[in-house]
Amino acid sequence: MMHDWNDSWSHGFGGGEWLMFLGMILVTVAVVLLVVYLVRQTSGSATGGAQAAAPPPQVAPPMAAPPQAAPSAEDSARELLRRRYAAGEIERDEYLQKLADLST
């Protein structure tokens, strides 16, 4: 019995083997691209460069407040009392009592 050694099935990379080889390469490339895409999405694409952050908007410097007359001693005391109350250093009752004391 003789064997036909020219049979395409017995030699490597005959008809369908090329398609399987190319398919494996395409699947491998697709997996690598998917991993790269997922890494860039989760890292915020900080090294991507394509989506560079926009420069911050230009903000005009604040205008200087107009000069005011020097506050009186009573106004300074009220302001100090208000600041202490706002900072939580004194309670409401103490604040109201001292404010009433300054008014008299």
N, C-alpha and C. Protein backbone atom coordinates (compact mmCIF):
# COMPACT_ATOMS: atom_id res chain seq x y z
N MET A 1 0.85 -1.16 0.00
CA MET A 1 0.00 0.00 0.00
C MET A 1 0.90 1.23 0.00
N MET A 2 0.61 2.17 -0.81
CA MET A 2 1.42 3.36 -0.96
C MET A 2 0.71 4.55 -0.35
N HIS A 3 1.50 5.40 0.20
CA HIS A 3 0.95 6.62 0.78
C HIS A 3 1.20 7.77 -0.17
N ASP A 4 0.24 8.61 -0.24
CA ASP A 4 0.40 9.80 -1.08
C ASP A 4 1.02 10.89 -0.22
N TRP A 5 2.32 11.10 -0.36
CA TRP A 5 3.02 12.08 0.47
C TRP A 5 2.74 13.51 0.01
N ASN A 6 2.07 13.69 -1.05
CA ASN A 6 1.74 15.03 -1.52
C ASN A 6 0.39 15.51 -0.99
N ASP A 7 -0.16 14.75 -0.08
CA ASP A 7 -1.45 15.12 0.51
C ASP A 7 -1.25 16.40 1.35
N SER A 8 -2.11 17.40 1.11
CA SER A 8 -1.94 18.69 1.81
C SER A 8 -2.20 18.55 3.30
N TRP A 9 -2.91 17.53 3.72
CA TRP A 9 -3.19 17.38 5.15
C TRP A 9 -1.97 16.89 5.92
N SER A 10 -1.08 16.26 5.24
CA SER A 10 0.06 15.71 5.96
C SER A 10 1.23 16.68 6.03
N HIS A 11 1.18 17.75 5.28
CA HIS A 11 2.25 18.74 5.31
C HIS A 11 1.80 19.95 6.12
N GLY A 12 2.68 20.52 6.93
CA GLY A 12 2.32 21.65 7.76
C GLY A 12 1.95 22.88 6.95
N PHE A 13 1.08 23.67 7.49
CA PHE A 13 0.62 24.92 6.89
C PHE A 13 0.07 24.71 5.48
N GLY A 14 -0.82 23.76 5.37
CA GLY A 14 -1.47 23.50 4.09
C GLY A 14 -2.57 24.51 3.86
N GLY A 15 -3.80 24.07 3.77
CA GLY A 15 -4.90 24.97 3.46
C GLY A 15 -5.42 25.73 4.66
N GLY A 16 -5.95 25.02 5.67
CA GLY A 16 -6.61 25.67 6.80
C GLY A 16 -5.67 26.10 7.90
N GLU A 17 -4.47 25.57 7.93
CA GLU A 17 -3.54 25.92 9.01
C GLU A 17 -3.15 27.39 8.97
N TRP A 18 -3.05 27.99 7.79
CA TRP A 18 -2.72 29.41 7.69
C TRP A 18 -3.81 30.27 8.31
N LEU A 19 -5.04 29.87 8.08
CA LEU A 19 -6.15 30.64 8.67
C LEU A 19 -6.14 30.55 10.19
N MET A 20 -5.84 29.37 10.72
CA MET A 20 -5.78 29.23 12.18
C MET A 20 -4.63 30.06 12.75
N PHE A 21 -3.49 30.06 12.06
CA PHE A 21 -2.33 30.84 12.51
C PHE A 21 -2.66 32.33 12.52
N LEU A 22 -3.27 32.82 11.45
CA LEU A 22 -3.64 34.25 11.41
C LEU A 22 -4.71 34.57 12.44
N GLY A 23 -5.62 33.66 12.68
CA GLY A 23 -6.65 33.86 13.70
C GLY A 23 -6.05 34.00 15.09
N MET A 24 -5.05 33.16 15.40
CA MET A 24 -4.41 33.26 16.71
C MET A 24 -3.69 34.59 16.87
N ILE A 25 -3.06 35.06 15.80
CA ILE A 25 -2.36 36.35 15.87
C ILE A 25 -3.38 37.48 16.08
N LEU A 26 -4.49 37.43 15.34
CA LEU A 26 -5.50 38.48 15.49
C LEU A 26 -6.11 38.49 16.89
N VAL A 27 -6.38 37.33 17.45
CA VAL A 27 -6.94 37.26 18.80
C VAL A 27 -5.94 37.80 19.81
N THR A 28 -4.66 37.47 19.65
CA THR A 28 -3.63 37.96 20.58
C THR A 28 -3.52 39.49 20.51
N VAL A 29 -3.52 40.05 19.31
CA VAL A 29 -3.46 41.50 19.15
C VAL A 29 -4.69 42.16 19.75
N ALA A 30 -5.87 41.55 19.56
CA ALA A 30 -7.10 42.12 20.12
C ALA A 30 -7.06 42.13 21.64
N VAL A 31 -6.54 41.06 22.25
CA VAL A 31 -6.45 41.01 23.72
C VAL A 31 -5.48 42.07 24.23
N VAL A 32 -4.34 42.23 23.57
CA VAL A 32 -3.36 43.24 24.00
C VAL A 32 -3.97 44.64 23.88
N LEU A 33 -4.65 44.94 22.78
CA LEU A 33 -5.27 46.25 22.62
C LEU A 33 -6.35 46.50 23.66
N LEU A 34 -7.10 45.46 24.00
CA LEU A 34 -8.14 45.60 25.03
C LEU A 34 -7.51 45.92 26.39
N VAL A 35 -6.42 45.25 26.72
CA VAL A 35 -5.75 45.52 28.00
C VAL A 35 -5.22 46.95 28.03
N VAL A 36 -4.60 47.40 26.95
CA VAL A 36 -4.08 48.77 26.88
C VAL A 36 -5.22 49.78 27.03
N TYR A 37 -6.32 49.53 26.37
CA TYR A 37 -7.48 50.43 26.46
C TYR A 37 -8.00 50.50 27.89
N LEU A 38 -8.15 49.34 28.54
CA LEU A 38 -8.66 49.33 29.91
C LEU A 38 -7.71 50.02 30.88
N VAL A 39 -6.41 49.83 30.69
CA VAL A 39 -5.44 50.49 31.58
C VAL A 39 -5.52 52.00 31.42
N ARG A 40 -5.64 52.47 30.19
CA ARG A 40 -5.73 53.92 29.97
C ARG A 40 -7.02 54.49 30.53
N GLN A 41 -8.10 53.76 30.45
CA GLN A 41 -9.36 54.26 30.98
C GLN A 41 -9.34 54.34 32.50
N THR A 42 -8.74 53.36 33.15
CA THR A 42 -8.73 53.37 34.61
C THR A 42 -7.70 54.31 35.19
N SER A 43 -6.63 54.60 34.44
CA SER A 43 -5.61 55.50 34.97
C SER A 43 -5.90 56.95 34.64
N GLY A 44 -6.96 57.24 33.95
CA GLY A 44 -7.31 58.61 33.62
C GLY A 44 -6.50 59.16 32.48
N SER A 45 -5.84 58.32 31.75
CA SER A 45 -5.01 58.69 30.59
C SER A 45 -4.08 59.86 30.91
N ALA A 46 -3.40 59.77 32.06
CA ALA A 46 -2.48 60.84 32.47
C ALA A 46 -1.27 60.91 31.56
N THR A 47 -0.86 59.78 30.99
CA THR A 47 0.30 59.78 30.12
C THR A 47 -0.08 59.75 28.66
N GLY A 48 -1.35 59.80 28.36
CA GLY A 48 -1.80 59.72 26.98
C GLY A 48 -1.33 60.87 26.14
N GLY A 49 -1.41 62.07 26.63
CA GLY A 49 -0.95 63.22 25.90
C GLY A 49 -1.96 63.74 24.90
N ALA A 50 -2.80 62.88 24.36
CA ALA A 50 -3.76 63.32 23.36
C ALA A 50 -4.84 64.19 23.98
N GLN A 51 -5.16 63.90 25.22
CA GLN A 51 -6.20 64.66 25.91
C GLN A 51 -5.55 65.51 26.99
N ALA A 52 -4.74 66.46 26.59
CA ALA A 52 -4.06 67.31 27.54
C ALA A 52 -5.06 68.22 28.23
N ALA A 53 -4.79 68.51 29.48
CA ALA A 53 -5.69 69.36 30.24
C ALA A 53 -5.66 70.79 29.70
N ALA A 54 -6.81 71.40 29.68
CA ALA A 54 -6.91 72.78 29.21
C ALA A 54 -6.27 73.70 30.24
N PRO A 55 -5.68 74.79 29.80
CA PRO A 55 -5.10 75.72 30.77
C PRO A 55 -6.20 76.35 31.62
N PRO A 56 -5.89 76.69 32.85
CA PRO A 56 -6.91 77.28 33.71
C PRO A 56 -7.38 78.63 33.15
N PRO A 57 -8.62 78.96 33.37
CA PRO A 57 -9.13 80.23 32.84
C PRO A 57 -8.43 81.40 33.53
N GLN A 58 -8.28 82.48 32.79
CA GLN A 58 -7.65 83.67 33.34
C GLN A 58 -8.65 84.38 34.25
N VAL A 59 -8.22 84.66 35.45
CA VAL A 59 -9.07 85.32 36.43
C VAL A 59 -8.47 86.69 36.73
N ALA A 60 -9.33 87.67 36.68
CA ALA A 60 -8.87 89.03 36.96
C ALA A 60 -8.54 89.15 38.45
N PRO A 61 -7.49 89.89 38.79
CA PRO A 61 -7.16 90.05 40.20
C PRO A 61 -8.29 90.80 40.91
N PRO A 62 -8.50 90.50 42.17
CA PRO A 62 -9.57 91.19 42.89
C PRO A 62 -9.28 92.68 43.01
N MET A 63 -10.33 93.43 42.93
CA MET A 63 -10.17 94.89 43.04
C MET A 63 -9.92 95.24 44.50
N ALA A 64 -9.10 96.25 44.69
CA ALA A 64 -8.80 96.69 46.04
C ALA A 64 -10.03 97.37 46.63
N ALA A 65 -10.24 97.12 47.91
CA ALA A 65 -11.37 97.74 48.59
C ALA A 65 -11.10 99.23 48.75
N PRO A 66 -12.13 100.04 48.62
CA PRO A 66 -11.92 101.48 48.81
C PRO A 66 -11.51 101.76 50.25
N PRO A 67 -10.69 102.76 50.43
CA PRO A 67 -10.26 103.07 51.79
C PRO A 67 -11.45 103.51 52.64
N GLN A 68 -11.45 103.03 53.88
CA GLN A 68 -12.54 103.36 54.80
C GLN A 68 -11.96 104.12 55.98
N ALA A 69 -12.85 104.80 56.63
CA ALA A 69 -12.43 105.54 57.82
C ALA A 69 -12.06 104.54 58.91
N ALA A 70 -11.16 104.95 59.77
CA ALA A 70 -10.74 104.07 60.86
C ALA A 70 -11.93 103.80 61.77
N PRO A 71 -12.14 102.52 62.13
CA PRO A 71 -13.28 102.20 62.98
C PRO A 71 -13.07 102.75 64.39
N SER A 72 -14.16 103.04 65.01
CA SER A 72 -14.09 103.53 66.39
C SER A 72 -13.78 102.35 67.31
N ALA A 73 -13.48 102.65 68.55
CA ALA A 73 -13.14 101.61 69.52
C ALA A 73 -14.33 100.69 69.75
N GLU A 74 -15.56 101.27 69.72
CA GLU A 74 -16.75 100.45 69.96
C GLU A 74 -16.98 99.50 68.79
N ASP A 75 -16.76 99.99 67.56
CA ASP A 75 -16.93 99.11 66.39
C ASP A 75 -15.88 98.00 66.41
N SER A 76 -14.67 98.31 66.83
CA SER A 76 -13.63 97.29 66.90
C SER A 76 -13.99 96.22 67.91
N ALA A 77 -14.54 96.62 69.03
CA ALA A 77 -14.94 95.67 70.07
C ALA A 77 -16.08 94.78 69.57
N ARG A 78 -17.04 95.37 68.86
CA ARG A 78 -18.15 94.58 68.32
C ARG A 78 -17.64 93.58 67.27
N GLU A 79 -16.71 94.06 66.44
CA GLU A 79 -16.15 93.17 65.41
C GLU A 79 -15.39 92.02 66.06
N LEU A 80 -14.60 92.31 67.07
CA LEU A 80 -13.88 91.27 67.78
C LEU A 80 -14.83 90.28 68.44
N LEU A 81 -15.90 90.80 69.03
CA LEU A 81 -16.90 89.94 69.65
C LEU A 81 -17.58 89.06 68.60
N ARG A 82 -17.90 89.66 67.44
CA ARG A 82 -18.55 88.89 66.37
C ARG A 82 -17.63 87.77 65.87
N ARG A 83 -16.35 88.08 65.74
CA ARG A 83 -15.40 87.06 65.27
C ARG A 83 -15.26 85.92 66.27
N ARG A 84 -15.20 86.25 67.54
CA ARG A 84 -15.07 85.21 68.57
C ARG A 84 -16.30 84.31 68.58
N TYR A 85 -17.49 84.91 68.40
CA TYR A 85 -18.73 84.12 68.35
C TYR A 85 -18.75 83.24 67.10
N ALA A 86 -18.32 83.80 65.97
CA ALA A 86 -18.31 83.03 64.72
C ALA A 86 -17.31 81.88 64.80
N ALA A 87 -16.21 82.06 65.50
CA ALA A 87 -15.20 81.02 65.63
C ALA A 87 -15.59 79.98 66.66
N GLY A 88 -16.65 80.22 67.42
CA GLY A 88 -17.09 79.25 68.42
C GLY A 88 -16.36 79.37 69.74
N GLU A 89 -15.67 80.48 69.96
CA GLU A 89 -14.95 80.66 71.21
C GLU A 89 -15.89 80.98 72.36
N ILE A 90 -17.00 81.63 72.04
CA ILE A 90 -17.97 81.98 73.08
C ILE A 90 -19.35 81.48 72.67
N GLU A 91 -20.20 81.24 73.64
CA GLU A 91 -21.56 80.75 73.39
C GLU A 91 -22.48 81.92 73.04
N ARG A 92 -23.69 81.60 72.61
CA ARG A 92 -24.66 82.61 72.18
C ARG A 92 -25.06 83.54 73.34
N ASP A 93 -25.31 82.94 74.47
CA ASP A 93 -25.73 83.77 75.61
C ASP A 93 -24.64 84.76 76.00
N GLU A 94 -23.40 84.30 76.03
CA GLU A 94 -22.30 85.18 76.36
C GLU A 94 -22.14 86.27 75.31
N TYR A 95 -22.31 85.90 74.03
CA TYR A 95 -22.24 86.87 72.94
C TYR A 95 -23.29 87.95 73.10
N LEU A 96 -24.54 87.55 73.34
CA LEU A 96 -25.63 88.52 73.48
C LEU A 96 -25.41 89.42 74.70
N GLN A 97 -24.93 88.84 75.80
CA GLN A 97 -24.69 89.64 77.00
C GLN A 97 -23.60 90.68 76.77
N LYS A 98 -22.51 90.27 76.14
CA LYS A 98 -21.42 91.22 75.89
C LYS A 98 -21.82 92.27 74.86
N LEU A 99 -22.63 91.86 73.86
CA LEU A 99 -23.12 92.82 72.89
C LEU A 99 -24.02 93.87 73.56
N ALA A 100 -24.87 93.42 74.51
CA ALA A 100 -25.71 94.36 75.25
C ALA A 100 -24.85 95.28 76.13
N ASP A 101 -23.80 94.72 76.70
CA ASP A 101 -22.90 95.54 77.52
C ASP A 101 -22.22 96.62 76.70
N LEU A 102 -21.86 96.30 75.46
CA LEU A 102 -21.22 97.30 74.60
C LEU A 102 -22.19 98.39 74.16
N SER A 103 -23.48 98.08 74.10
CA SER A 103 -24.46 99.05 73.66
C SER A 103 -24.78 100.08 74.74
N THR A 104 -24.56 99.75 75.97
CA THR A 104 -24.90 100.69 77.03
C THR A 104 -23.78 101.63 77.36
